[in-house]
Amino acid sequence: MQEVYSDYFIDVTIKIPEEFIDVRTGETHPISPEIRDQIAYHAKNNTLIHLLFSALDEYFAPESSHHSDTDGILKELADIKRLLTSRNFSAEPVSGNGTAKSSQTGQIPMEDVEEIIEAYGG
């Protein structure tokens, strides 16, 4: 059963099918309740055209802009990695009074550090 939503102010009509085809992959997906809710919301507020163009803008945006919020984190991780590889890093835990506890080796293997950084996108 298809639902029809119209934005009478700007004269935009969207007919919602049961499923859609992803134009990038060709895969068929059901229409999620979130999509239905957003279309209903924007039809009620006469902003369907803005929803459409916002979605198209996101669709055509370069991949790098999708991850701009993580760029700062990745830069910080890269800086930490650079600091760790350029210095001798002591892995001795600090006790509650601020003095370092002794450990057998006193260092974390760089492979472990690199694995952790890589796991977080660095």
PDB file of N, CA and C in Angstrom:
ATOM      1  N   MET A   1       0.833  -1.172   0.000  1.00  0.00           N
ATOM      2  CA  MET A   1       0.000   0.000   0.000  1.00  0.00           C
ATOM      3  C   MET A   1       0.885   1.245   0.000  1.00  0.00           C
ATOM      4  N   GLN A   2       0.693   2.103  -0.980  1.00  0.00           N
ATOM      5  CA  GLN A   2       1.490   3.310  -1.073  1.00  0.00           C
ATOM      6  C   GLN A   2       0.821   4.459  -0.330  1.00  0.00           C
ATOM      7  N   GLU A   3       1.643   5.259   0.308  1.00  0.00           N
ATOM      8  CA  GLU A   3       1.157   6.445   0.992  1.00  0.00           C
ATOM      9  C   GLU A   3       1.563   7.654   0.162  1.00  0.00           C
ATOM     10  N   VAL A   4       0.710   8.656   0.116  1.00  0.00           N
ATOM     11  CA  VAL A   4       1.005   9.869  -0.630  1.00  0.00           C
ATOM     12  C   VAL A   4       1.068  11.039   0.341  1.00  0.00           C
ATOM     13  N   TYR A   5       2.159  11.796   0.254  1.00  0.00           N
ATOM     14  CA  TYR A   5       2.329  12.993   1.071  1.00  0.00           C
ATOM     15  C   TYR A   5       2.521  14.173   0.132  1.00  0.00           C
ATOM     16  N   SER A   6       1.839  15.267   0.405  1.00  0.00           N
ATOM     17  CA  SER A   6       1.942  16.457  -0.435  1.00  0.00           C
ATOM     18  C   SER A   6       2.282  17.675   0.397  1.00  0.00           C
ATOM     19  N   ASP A   7       3.116  18.493  -0.179  1.00  0.00           N
ATOM     20  CA  ASP A   7       3.477  19.784   0.377  1.00  0.00           C
ATOM     21  C   ASP A   7       2.760  20.798  -0.510  1.00  0.00           C
ATOM     22  N   TYR A   8       1.615  21.269  -0.093  1.00  0.00           N
ATOM     23  CA  TYR A   8       0.785  22.111  -0.946  1.00  0.00           C
ATOM     24  C   TYR A   8       1.350  23.510  -1.114  1.00  0.00           C
ATOM     25  N   PHE A   9       2.168  23.945  -0.190  1.00  0.00           N
ATOM     26  CA  PHE A   9       2.736  25.283  -0.259  1.00  0.00           C
ATOM     27  C   PHE A   9       3.699  25.406  -1.439  1.00  0.00           C
ATOM     28  N   ILE A  10       4.558  24.400  -1.610  1.00  0.00           N
ATOM     29  CA  ILE A  10       5.536  24.423  -2.696  1.00  0.00           C
ATOM     30  C   ILE A  10       5.141  23.435  -3.795  1.00  0.00           C
ATOM     31  N   ASP A  11       4.052  22.738  -3.631  1.00  0.00           N
ATOM     32  CA  ASP A  11       3.512  21.813  -4.626  1.00  0.00           C
ATOM     33  C   ASP A  11       4.464  20.652  -4.915  1.00  0.00           C
ATOM     34  N   VAL A  12       4.833  19.924  -3.872  1.00  0.00           N
ATOM     35  CA  VAL A  12       5.668  18.734  -3.987  1.00  0.00           C
ATOM     36  C   VAL A  12       4.856  17.557  -3.478  1.00  0.00           C
ATOM     37  N   THR A  13       4.869  16.458  -4.239  1.00  0.00           N
ATOM     38  CA  THR A  13       4.154  15.255  -3.822  1.00  0.00           C
ATOM     39  C   THR A  13       5.104  14.075  -3.855  1.00  0.00           C
ATOM     40  N   ILE A  14       5.073  13.268  -2.807  1.00  0.00           N
ATOM     41  CA  ILE A  14       5.882  12.051  -2.733  1.00  0.00           C
ATOM     42  C   ILE A  14       4.956  10.888  -2.441  1.00  0.00           C
ATOM     43  N   LYS A  15       5.069   9.863  -3.264  1.00  0.00           N
ATOM     44  CA  LYS A  15       4.309   8.638  -3.054  1.00  0.00           C
ATOM     45  C   LYS A  15       5.281   7.615  -2.474  1.00  0.00           C
ATOM     46  N   ILE A  16       4.986   7.095  -1.292  1.00  0.00           N
ATOM     47  CA  ILE A  16       5.896   6.180  -0.605  1.00  0.00           C
ATOM     48  C   ILE A  16       5.530   4.738  -0.944  1.00  0.00           C
ATOM     49  N   PRO A  17       6.444   4.019  -1.602  1.00  0.00           N
ATOM     50  CA  PRO A  17       6.203   2.600  -1.870  1.00  0.00           C
ATOM     51  C   PRO A  17       6.555   1.762  -0.638  1.00  0.00           C
ATOM     52  N   GLU A  18       6.359   0.475  -0.722  1.00  0.00           N
ATOM     53  CA  GLU A  18       6.723  -0.423   0.376  1.00  0.00           C
ATOM     54  C   GLU A  18       8.242  -0.580   0.491  1.00  0.00           C
ATOM     55  N   GLU A  19       8.944  -0.469  -0.652  1.00  0.00           N
ATOM     56  CA  GLU A  19      10.389  -0.614  -0.665  1.00  0.00           C
ATOM     57  C   GLU A  19      10.977   0.285  -1.746  1.00  0.00           C
ATOM     58  N   PHE A  20      12.284   0.478  -1.684  1.00  0.00           N
ATOM     59  CA  PHE A  20      12.963   1.301  -2.679  1.00  0.00           C
ATOM     60  C   PHE A  20      14.243   0.606  -3.121  1.00  0.00           C
ATOM     61  N   ILE A  21      14.769   1.036  -4.265  1.00  0.00           N
ATOM     62  CA  ILE A  21      16.015   0.494  -4.791  1.00  0.00           C
ATOM     63  C   ILE A  21      17.118   1.515  -4.525  1.00  0.00           C
ATOM     64  N   ASP A  22      18.167   1.077  -3.846  1.00  0.00           N
ATOM     65  CA  ASP A  22      19.329   1.925  -3.599  1.00  0.00           C
ATOM     66  C   ASP A  22      20.027   2.135  -4.940  1.00  0.00           C
ATOM     67  N   VAL A  23      20.097   3.387  -5.410  1.00  0.00           N
ATOM     68  CA  VAL A  23      20.644   3.650  -6.737  1.00  0.00           C
ATOM     69  C   VAL A  23      22.146   3.427  -6.817  1.00  0.00           C
ATOM     70  N   ARG A  24      22.824   3.397  -5.700  1.00  0.00           N
ATOM     71  CA  ARG A  24      24.265   3.131  -5.727  1.00  0.00           C
ATOM     72  C   ARG A  24      24.564   1.640  -5.827  1.00  0.00           C
ATOM     73  N   THR A  25      23.794   0.827  -5.101  1.00  0.00           N
ATOM     74  CA  THR A  25      24.097  -0.606  -5.038  1.00  0.00           C
ATOM     75  C   THR A  25      23.136  -1.469  -5.834  1.00  0.00           C
ATOM     76  N   GLY A  26      21.938  -0.955  -6.122  1.00  0.00           N
ATOM     77  CA  GLY A  26      20.924  -1.739  -6.817  1.00  0.00           C
ATOM     78  C   GLY A  26      20.139  -2.650  -5.891  1.00  0.00           C
ATOM     79  N   GLU A  27      20.439  -2.604  -4.598  1.00  0.00           N
ATOM     80  CA  GLU A  27      19.743  -3.455  -3.628  1.00  0.00           C
ATOM     81  C   GLU A  27      18.386  -2.852  -3.271  1.00  0.00           C
ATOM     82  N   THR A  28      17.440  -3.722  -2.971  1.00  0.00           N
ATOM     83  CA  THR A  28      16.108  -3.288  -2.571  1.00  0.00           C
ATOM     84  C   THR A  28      16.020  -3.277  -1.051  1.00  0.00           C
ATOM     85  N   HIS A  29      15.461  -2.197  -0.502  1.00  0.00           N
ATOM     86  CA  HIS A  29      15.318  -2.035   0.944  1.00  0.00           C
ATOM     87  C   HIS A  29      13.889  -1.628   1.268  1.00  0.00           C
ATOM     88  N   PRO A  30      13.375  -2.076   2.413  1.00  0.00           N
ATOM     89  CA  PRO A  30      12.049  -1.594   2.837  1.00  0.00           C
ATOM     90  C   PRO A  30      12.156  -0.136   3.296  1.00  0.00           C
ATOM     91  N   ILE A  31      11.056   0.575   3.210  1.00  0.00           N
ATOM     92  CA  ILE A  31      11.023   1.952   3.708  1.00  0.00           C
ATOM     93  C   ILE A  31      10.933   1.884   5.231  1.00  0.00           C
ATOM     94  N   SER A  32      11.889   2.494   5.907  1.00  0.00           N
ATOM     95  CA  SER A  32      11.918   2.429   7.373  1.00  0.00           C
ATOM     96  C   SER A  32      10.876   3.371   7.974  1.00  0.00           C
ATOM     97  N   PRO A  33      10.458   3.071   9.189  1.00  0.00           N
ATOM     98  CA  PRO A  33       9.517   3.974   9.877  1.00  0.00           C
ATOM     99  C   PRO A  33      10.088   5.386  10.053  1.00  0.00           C
ATOM    100  N   GLU A  34      11.409   5.492  10.226  1.00  0.00           N
ATOM    101  CA  GLU A  34      12.030   6.806  10.378  1.00  0.00           C
ATOM    102  C   GLU A  34      11.867   7.637   9.118  1.00  0.00           C
ATOM    103  N   ILE A  35      12.036   7.003   7.949  1.00  0.00           N
ATOM    104  CA  ILE A  35      11.857   7.723   6.685  1.00  0.00           C
ATOM    105  C   ILE A  35      10.406   8.159   6.540  1.00  0.00           C
ATOM    106  N   ARG A  36       9.480   7.258   6.832  1.00  0.00           N
ATOM    107  CA  ARG A  36       8.053   7.610   6.756  1.00  0.00           C
ATOM    108  C   ARG A  36       7.731   8.785   7.684  1.00  0.00           C
ATOM    109  N   ASP A  37       8.256   8.745   8.902  1.00  0.00           N
ATOM    110  CA  ASP A  37       8.009   9.818   9.866  1.00  0.00           C
ATOM    111  C   ASP A  37       8.556  11.155   9.371  1.00  0.00           C
ATOM    112  N   GLN A  38       9.760  11.128   8.807  1.00  0.00           N
ATOM    113  CA  GLN A  38      10.363  12.366   8.314  1.00  0.00           C
ATOM    114  C   GLN A  38       9.573  12.944   7.139  1.00  0.00           C
ATOM    115  N   ILE A  39       9.130  12.083   6.236  1.00  0.00           N
ATOM    116  CA  ILE A  39       8.336  12.565   5.103  1.00  0.00           C
ATOM    117  C   ILE A  39       7.019  13.154   5.592  1.00  0.00           C
ATOM    118  N   ALA A  40       6.369  12.482   6.521  1.00  0.00           N
ATOM    119  CA  ALA A  40       5.110  12.997   7.071  1.00  0.00           C
ATOM    120  C   ALA A  40       5.339  14.337   7.772  1.00  0.00           C
ATOM    121  N   TYR A  41       6.412  14.434   8.542  1.00  0.00           N
ATOM    122  CA  TYR A  41       6.729  15.666   9.259  1.00  0.00           C
ATOM    123  C   TYR A  41       6.939  16.827   8.286  1.00  0.00           C
ATOM    124  N   HIS A  42       7.763  16.590   7.246  1.00  0.00           N
ATOM    125  CA  HIS A  42       8.074  17.664   6.304  1.00  0.00           C
ATOM    126  C   HIS A  42       6.886  18.005   5.410  1.00  0.00           C
ATOM    127  N   ALA A  43       6.029  17.041   5.125  1.00  0.00           N
ATOM    128  CA  ALA A  43       4.811  17.345   4.370  1.00  0.00           C
ATOM    129  C   ALA A  43       3.908  18.256   5.195  1.00  0.00           C
ATOM    130  N   LYS A  44       3.786  17.958   6.473  1.00  0.00           N
ATOM    131  CA  LYS A  44       2.947  18.762   7.368  1.00  0.00           C
ATOM    132  C   LYS A  44       3.477  20.190   7.487  1.00  0.00           C
ATOM    133  N   ASN A  45       4.804  20.334   7.469  1.00  0.00           N
ATOM    134  CA  ASN A  45       5.433  21.648   7.629  1.00  0.00           C
ATOM    135  C   ASN A  45       5.791  22.318   6.304  1.00  0.00           C
ATOM    136  N   ASN A  46       5.326  21.741   5.190  1.00  0.00           N
ATOM    137  CA  ASN A  46       5.577  22.310   3.856  1.00  0.00           C
ATOM    138  C   ASN A  46       7.064  22.465   3.547  1.00  0.00           C
ATOM    139  N   THR A  47       7.859  21.461   3.930  1.00  0.00           N
ATOM    140  CA  THR A  47       9.304  21.512   3.684  1.00  0.00           C
ATOM    141  C   THR A  47       9.812  20.259   2.968  1.00  0.00           C
ATOM    142  N   LEU A  48       8.940  19.579   2.218  1.00  0.00           N
ATOM    143  CA  LEU A  48       9.375  18.364   1.512  1.00  0.00           C
ATOM    144  C   LEU A  48      10.516  18.647   0.540  1.00  0.00           C
ATOM    145  N   ILE A  49      10.445  19.763  -0.164  1.00  0.00           N
ATOM    146  CA  ILE A  49      11.494  20.075  -1.131  1.00  0.00           C
ATOM    147  C   ILE A  49      12.838  20.256  -0.432  1.00  0.00           C
ATOM    148  N   HIS A  50      12.821  20.819   0.767  1.00  0.00           N
ATOM    149  CA  HIS A  50      14.067  21.015   1.517  1.00  0.00           C
ATOM    150  C   HIS A  50      14.622  19.675   2.002  1.00  0.00           C
ATOM    151  N   LEU A  51      13.738  18.767   2.396  1.00  0.00           N
ATOM    152  CA  LEU A  51      14.169  17.418   2.773  1.00  0.00           C
ATOM    153  C   LEU A  51      14.825  16.726   1.583  1.00  0.00           C
ATOM    154  N   LEU A  52      14.206  16.840   0.422  1.00  0.00           N
ATOM    155  CA  LEU A  52      14.740  16.212  -0.790  1.00  0.00           C
ATOM    156  C   LEU A  52      16.121  16.762  -1.130  1.00  0.00           C
ATOM    157  N   PHE A  53      16.254  18.084  -1.148  1.00  0.00           N
ATOM    158  CA  PHE A  53      17.542  18.665  -1.511  1.00  0.00           C
ATOM    159  C   PHE A  53      18.604  18.454  -0.435  1.00  0.00           C
ATOM    160  N   SER A  54      18.221  18.383   0.811  1.00  0.00           N
ATOM    161  CA  SER A  54      19.181  18.049   1.871  1.00  0.00           C
ATOM    162  C   SER A  54      19.711  16.634   1.680  1.00  0.00           C
ATOM    163  N   ALA A  55      18.807  15.709   1.353  1.00  0.00           N
ATOM    164  CA  ALA A  55      19.216  14.320   1.118  1.00  0.00           C
ATOM    165  C   ALA A  55      20.114  14.222  -0.108  1.00  0.00           C
ATOM    166  N   LEU A  56      19.780  14.949  -1.176  1.00  0.00           N
ATOM    167  CA  LEU A  56      20.615  14.928  -2.381  1.00  0.00           C
ATOM    168  C   LEU A  56      21.978  15.557  -2.120  1.00  0.00           C
ATOM    169  N   ASP A  57      22.011  16.624  -1.349  1.00  0.00           N
ATOM    170  CA  ASP A  57      23.278  17.261  -1.015  1.00  0.00           C
ATOM    171  C   ASP A  57      24.173  16.297  -0.245  1.00  0.00           C
ATOM    172  N   GLU A  58      23.595  15.581   0.705  1.00  0.00           N
ATOM    173  CA  GLU A  58      24.342  14.578   1.470  1.00  0.00           C
ATOM    174  C   GLU A  58      24.804  13.436   0.562  1.00  0.00           C
ATOM    175  N   TYR A  59      23.951  13.037  -0.369  1.00  0.00           N
ATOM    176  CA  TYR A  59      24.248  11.937  -1.286  1.00  0.00           C
ATOM    177  C   TYR A  59      25.427  12.275  -2.196  1.00  0.00           C
ATOM    178  N   PHE A  60      25.463  13.517  -2.696  1.00  0.00           N
ATOM    179  CA  PHE A  60      26.512  13.907  -3.633  1.00  0.00           C
ATOM    180  C   PHE A  60      27.738  14.512  -2.962  1.00  0.00           C
ATOM    181  N   ALA A  61      27.722  14.682  -1.655  1.00  0.00           N
ATOM    182  CA  ALA A  61      28.865  15.258  -0.945  1.00  0.00           C
ATOM    183  C   ALA A  61      30.048  14.309  -1.023  1.00  0.00           C
ATOM    184  N   PRO A  62      31.259  14.857  -1.096  1.00  0.00           N
ATOM    185  CA  PRO A  62      32.438  13.986  -1.098  1.00  0.00           C
ATOM    186  C   PRO A  62      32.504  13.162   0.184  1.00  0.00           C
ATOM    187  N   GLU A  63      33.088  11.982   0.104  1.00  0.00           N
ATOM    188  CA  GLU A  63      33.193  11.083   1.264  1.00  0.00           C
ATOM    189  C   GLU A  63      33.866  11.758   2.444  1.00  0.00           C
ATOM    190  N   SER A  64      34.852  12.613   2.190  1.00  0.00           N
ATOM    191  CA  SER A  64      35.590  13.220   3.296  1.00  0.00           C
ATOM    192  C   SER A  64      34.699  14.089   4.163  1.00  0.00           C
ATOM    193  N   SER A  65      33.677  14.711   3.583  1.00  0.00           N
ATOM    194  CA  SER A  65      32.818  15.574   4.390  1.00  0.00           C
ATOM    195  C   SER A  65      31.938  14.772   5.333  1.00  0.00           C
ATOM    196  N   HIS A  66      31.710  13.500   5.039  1.00  0.00           N
ATOM    197  CA  HIS A  66      30.902  12.663   5.914  1.00  0.00           C
ATOM    198  C   HIS A  66      31.623  12.363   7.223  1.00  0.00           C
ATOM    199  N   HIS A  67      32.935  12.427   7.198  1.00  0.00           N
ATOM    200  CA  HIS A  67      33.713  12.062   8.376  1.00  0.00           C
ATOM    201  C   HIS A  67      34.392  13.268   9.006  1.00  0.00           C
ATOM    202  N   SER A  68      33.919  14.475   8.684  1.00  0.00           N
ATOM    203  CA  SER A  68      34.589  15.668   9.183  1.00  0.00           C
ATOM    204  C   SER A  68      34.576  15.746  10.706  1.00  0.00           C
ATOM    205  N   ASP A  69      33.557  15.171  11.350  1.00  0.00           N
ATOM    206  CA  ASP A  69      33.510  15.221  12.807  1.00  0.00           C
ATOM    207  C   ASP A  69      34.567  14.335  13.446  1.00  0.00           C
ATOM    208  N   THR A  70      35.069  13.358  12.730  1.00  0.00           N
ATOM    209  CA  THR A  70      36.101  12.483  13.280  1.00  0.00           C
ATOM    210  C   THR A  70      37.504  12.931  12.897  1.00  0.00           C
ATOM    211  N   ASP A  71      37.616  13.934  12.036  1.00  0.00           N
ATOM    212  CA  ASP A  71      38.933  14.387  11.600  1.00  0.00           C
ATOM    213  C   ASP A  71      39.791  14.858  12.767  1.00  0.00           C
ATOM    214  N   GLY A  72      39.202  15.590  13.705  1.00  0.00           N
ATOM    215  CA  GLY A  72      39.951  16.078  14.859  1.00  0.00           C
ATOM    216  C   GLY A  72      40.471  14.948  15.717  1.00  0.00           C
ATOM    217  N   ILE A  73      39.638  13.940  15.917  1.00  0.00           N
ATOM    218  CA  ILE A  73      40.040  12.779  16.716  1.00  0.00           C
ATOM    219  C   ILE A  73      41.174  12.035  16.023  1.00  0.00           C
ATOM    220  N   LEU A  74      41.042  11.841  14.713  1.00  0.00           N
ATOM    221  CA  LEU A  74      42.088  11.137  13.972  1.00  0.00           C
ATOM    222  C   LEU A  74      43.400  11.914  14.000  1.00  0.00           C
ATOM    223  N   LYS A  75      43.326  13.241  13.925  1.00  0.00           N
ATOM    224  CA  LYS A  75      44.537  14.053  13.995  1.00  0.00           C
ATOM    225  C   LYS A  75      45.204  13.892  15.361  1.00  0.00           C
ATOM    226  N   GLU A  76      44.406  13.915  16.421  1.00  0.00           N
ATOM    227  CA  GLU A  76      44.969  13.742  17.761  1.00  0.00           C
ATOM    228  C   GLU A  76      45.606  12.368  17.919  1.00  0.00           C
ATOM    229  N   LEU A  77      44.954  11.323  17.397  1.00  0.00           N
ATOM    230  CA  LEU A  77      45.538   9.982  17.469  1.00  0.00           C
ATOM    231  C   LEU A  77      46.845   9.912  16.686  1.00  0.00           C
ATOM    232  N   ALA A  78      46.894  10.573  15.538  1.00  0.00           N
ATOM    233  CA  ALA A  78      48.130  10.595  14.753  1.00  0.00           C
ATOM    234  C   ALA A  78      49.235  11.310  15.521  1.00  0.00           C
ATOM    235  N   ASP A  79      48.882  12.407  16.205  1.00  0.00           N
ATOM    236  CA  ASP A  79      49.868  13.122  17.022  1.00  0.00           C
ATOM    237  C   ASP A  79      50.377  12.240  18.160  1.00  0.00           C
ATOM    238  N   ILE A  80      49.474  11.516  18.809  1.00  0.00           N
ATOM    239  CA  ILE A  80      49.868  10.605  19.892  1.00  0.00           C
ATOM    240  C   ILE A  80      50.784   9.517  19.352  1.00  0.00           C
ATOM    241  N   LYS A  81      50.445   8.973  18.197  1.00  0.00           N
ATOM    242  CA  LYS A  81      51.265   7.927  17.587  1.00  0.00           C
ATOM    243  C   LYS A  81      52.660   8.469  17.279  1.00  0.00           C
ATOM    244  N   ARG A  82      52.715   9.681  16.743  1.00  0.00           N
ATOM    245  CA  ARG A  82      54.004  10.299  16.429  1.00  0.00           C
ATOM    246  C   ARG A  82      54.832  10.491  17.700  1.00  0.00           C
ATOM    247  N   LEU A  83      54.193  10.965  18.771  1.00  0.00           N
ATOM    248  CA  LEU A  83      54.906  11.150  20.039  1.00  0.00           C
ATOM    249  C   LEU A  83      55.416   9.827  20.595  1.00  0.00           C
ATOM    250  N   LEU A  84      54.591   8.797  20.513  1.00  0.00           N
ATOM    251  CA  LEU A  84      54.991   7.498  21.053  1.00  0.00           C
ATOM    252  C   LEU A  84      56.117   6.869  20.255  1.00  0.00           C
ATOM    253  N   THR A  85      56.126   7.072  18.953  1.00  0.00           N
ATOM    254  CA  THR A  85      57.179   6.468  18.140  1.00  0.00           C
ATOM    255  C   THR A  85      58.475   7.265  18.202  1.00  0.00           C
ATOM    256  N   SER A  86      58.391   8.552  18.569  1.00  0.00           N
ATOM    257  CA  SER A  86      59.610   9.361  18.611  1.00  0.00           C
ATOM    258  C   SER A  86      60.283   9.356  19.982  1.00  0.00           C
ATOM    259  N   ARG A  87      59.589   8.884  21.020  1.00  0.00           N
ATOM    260  CA  ARG A  87      60.145   8.891  22.380  1.00  0.00           C
ATOM    261  C   ARG A  87      60.105   7.494  22.991  1.00  0.00           C
ATOM    262  N   ASN A  88      60.838   7.366  24.065  1.00  0.00           N
ATOM    263  CA  ASN A  88      60.796   6.131  24.833  1.00  0.00           C
ATOM    264  C   ASN A  88      59.622   6.251  25.800  1.00  0.00           C
ATOM    265  N   PHE A  89      58.588   5.488  25.590  1.00  0.00           N
ATOM    266  CA  PHE A  89      57.356   5.584  26.370  1.00  0.00           C
ATOM    267  C   PHE A  89      57.413   4.632  27.548  1.00  0.00           C
ATOM    268  N   SER A  90      57.187   5.149  28.752  1.00  0.00           N
ATOM    269  CA  SER A  90      57.161   4.330  29.950  1.00  0.00           C
ATOM    270  C   SER A  90      55.731   3.906  30.229  1.00  0.00           C
ATOM    271  N   ALA A  91      55.519   2.618  30.364  1.00  0.00           N
ATOM    272  CA  ALA A  91      54.180   2.092  30.598  1.00  0.00           C
ATOM    273  C   ALA A  91      53.935   1.774  32.058  1.00  0.00           C
ATOM    274  N   GLU A  92      54.745   2.311  32.948  1.00  0.00           N
ATOM    275  CA  GLU A  92      54.571   2.023  34.362  1.00  0.00           C
ATOM    276  C   GLU A  92      53.324   2.719  34.876  1.00  0.00           C
ATOM    277  N   PRO A  93      52.430   1.970  35.522  1.00  0.00           N
ATOM    278  CA  PRO A  93      51.230   2.607  36.059  1.00  0.00           C
ATOM    279  C   PRO A  93      51.573   3.525  37.219  1.00  0.00           C
ATOM    280  N   VAL A  94      50.780   4.562  37.370  1.00  0.00           N
ATOM    281  CA  VAL A  94      50.991   5.526  38.445  1.00  0.00           C
ATOM    282  C   VAL A  94      50.049   5.176  39.580  1.00  0.00           C
ATOM    283  N   SER A  95      50.593   5.128  40.808  1.00  0.00           N
ATOM    284  CA  SER A  95      49.757   4.822  41.968  1.00  0.00           C
ATOM    285  C   SER A  95      48.994   6.071  42.385  1.00  0.00           C
ATOM    286  N   GLY A  96      48.130   5.933  43.386  1.00  0.00           N
ATOM    287  CA  GLY A  96      47.302   7.038  43.852  1.00  0.00           C
ATOM    288  C   GLY A  96      48.096   8.229  44.360  1.00  0.00           C
ATOM    289  N   ASN A  97      49.330   8.014  44.854  1.00  0.00           N
ATOM    290  CA  ASN A  97      50.112   9.130  45.393  1.00  0.00           C
ATOM    291  C   ASN A  97      51.015   9.783  44.349  1.00  0.00           C
ATOM    292  N   GLY A  98      50.890   9.373  43.084  1.00  0.00           N
ATOM    293  CA  GLY A  98      51.640  10.007  42.011  1.00  0.00           C
ATOM    294  C   GLY A  98      52.976   9.377  41.707  1.00  0.00           C
ATOM    295  N   THR A  99      53.369   8.325  42.433  1.00  0.00           N
ATOM    296  CA  THR A  99      54.635   7.671  42.142  1.00  0.00           C
ATOM    297  C   THR A  99      54.387   6.486  41.232  1.00  0.00           C
ATOM    298  N   ALA A 100      55.341   6.228  40.384  1.00  0.00           N
ATOM    299  CA  ALA A 100      55.194   5.136  39.427  1.00  0.00           C
ATOM    300  C   ALA A 100      55.482   3.808  40.096  1.00  0.00           C
ATOM    301  N   LYS A 101      54.658   2.826  39.783  1.00  0.00           N
ATOM    302  CA  LYS A 101      54.917   1.468  40.261  1.00  0.00           C
ATOM    303  C   LYS A 101      55.872   0.808  39.280  1.00  0.00           C
ATOM    304  N   SER A 102      56.707  -0.048  39.769  1.00  0.00           N
ATOM    305  CA  SER A 102      57.650  -0.695  38.870  1.00  0.00           C
ATOM    306  C   SER A 102      56.995  -1.886  38.188  1.00  0.00           C
ATOM    307  N   SER A 103      57.395  -2.097  36.955  1.00  0.00           N
ATOM    308  CA  SER A 103      56.919  -3.268  36.216  1.00  0.00           C
ATOM    309  C   SER A 103      58.130  -4.019  35.701  1.00  0.00           C
ATOM    310  N   GLN A 104      57.891  -5.178  35.151  1.00  0.00           N
ATOM    311  CA  GLN A 104      59.019  -5.992  34.720  1.00  0.00           C
ATOM    312  C   GLN A 104      59.761  -5.346  33.555  1.00  0.00           C
ATOM    313  N   THR A 105      59.043  -4.899  32.517  1.00  0.00           N
ATOM    314  CA  THR A 105      59.738  -4.326  31.365  1.00  0.00           C
ATOM    315  C   THR A 105      59.689  -2.812  31.362  1.00  0.00           C
ATOM    316  N   GLY A 106      58.604  -2.229  31.903  1.00  0.00           N
ATOM    317  CA  GLY A 106      58.501  -0.785  31.928  1.00  0.00           C
ATOM    318  C   GLY A 106      58.067  -0.176  30.611  1.00  0.00           C
ATOM    319  N   GLN A 107      57.829  -0.993  29.585  1.00  0.00           N
ATOM    320  CA  GLN A 107      57.431  -0.459  28.288  1.00  0.00           C
ATOM    321  C   GLN A 107      56.338  -1.314  27.665  1.00  0.00           C
ATOM    322  N   ILE A 108      55.500  -0.658  26.866  1.00  0.00           N
ATOM    323  CA  ILE A 108      54.480  -1.367  26.081  1.00  0.00           C
ATOM    324  C   ILE A 108      55.076  -1.616  24.705  1.00  0.00           C
ATOM    325  N   PRO A 109      54.951  -2.824  24.197  1.00  0.00           N
ATOM    326  CA  PRO A 109      55.460  -3.082  22.845  1.00  0.00           C
ATOM    327  C   PRO A 109      54.778  -2.153  21.833  1.00  0.00           C
ATOM    328  N   MET A 110      55.567  -1.564  20.940  1.00  0.00           N
ATOM    329  CA  MET A 110      55.023  -0.625  19.960  1.00  0.00           C
ATOM    330  C   MET A 110      53.965  -1.275  19.075  1.00  0.00           C
ATOM    331  N   GLU A 111      54.066  -2.587  18.860  1.00  0.00           N
ATOM    332  CA  GLU A 111      53.051  -3.271  18.056  1.00  0.00           C
ATOM    333  C   GLU A 111      51.674  -3.137  18.701  1.00  0.00           C
ATOM    334  N   ASP A 112      51.636  -3.265  20.036  1.00  0.00           N
ATOM    335  CA  ASP A 112      50.367  -3.129  20.753  1.00  0.00           C
ATOM    336  C   ASP A 112      49.821  -1.714  20.645  1.00  0.00           C
ATOM    337  N   VAL A 113      50.706  -0.742  20.782  1.00  0.00           N
ATOM    338  CA  VAL A 113      50.286   0.655  20.677  1.00  0.00           C
ATOM    339  C   VAL A 113      49.739   0.932  19.279  1.00  0.00           C
ATOM    340  N   GLU A 114      50.457   0.460  18.258  1.00  0.00           N
ATOM    341  CA  GLU A 114      50.018   0.685  16.879  1.00  0.00           C
ATOM    342  C   GLU A 114      48.690  -0.004  16.603  1.00  0.00           C
ATOM    343  N   GLU A 115      48.490  -1.203  17.154  1.00  0.00           N
ATOM    344  CA  GLU A 115      47.214  -1.903  16.970  1.00  0.00           C
ATOM    345  C   GLU A 115      46.065  -1.116  17.579  1.00  0.00           C
ATOM    346  N   ILE A 116      46.289  -0.552  18.757  1.00  0.00           N
ATOM    347  CA  ILE A 116      45.243   0.242  19.413  1.00  0.00           C
ATOM    348  C   ILE A 116      44.920   1.478  18.588  1.00  0.00           C
ATOM    349  N   ILE A 117      45.949   2.160  18.130  1.00  0.00           N
ATOM    350  CA  ILE A 117      45.726   3.367  17.331  1.00  0.00           C
ATOM    351  C   ILE A 117      45.027   3.019  16.022  1.00  0.00           C
ATOM    352  N   GLU A 118      45.434   1.956  15.361  1.00  0.00           N
ATOM    353  CA  GLU A 118      44.788   1.539  14.118  1.00  0.00           C
ATOM    354  C   GLU A 118      43.335   1.152  14.347  1.00  0.00           C
ATOM    355  N   ALA A 119      43.054   0.542  15.494  1.00  0.00           N
ATOM    356  CA  ALA A 119      41.677   0.148  15.800  1.00  0.00           C
ATOM    357  C   ALA A 119      40.764   1.360  15.923  1.00  0.00           C
ATOM    358  N   TYR A 120      41.316   2.506  16.280  1.00  0.00           N
ATOM    359  CA  TYR A 120      40.525   3.730  16.410  1.00  0.00           C
ATOM    360  C   TYR A 120      40.667   4.637  15.195  1.00  0.00           C
ATOM    361  N   GLY A 121      41.104   4.075  14.076  1.00  0.00           N
ATOM    362  CA  GLY A 121      41.110   4.826  12.832  1.00  0.00           C
ATOM    363  C   GLY A 121      42.367   5.608  12.532  1.00  0.00           C
ATOM    364  N   GLY A 122      43.429   5.394  13.277  1.00  0.00           N
ATOM    365  CA  GLY A 122      44.663   6.160  13.049  1.00  0.00           C
ATOM    366  C   GLY A 122      45.538   5.412  12.169  1.00  0.00           C
TER     367      GLY A 122
END
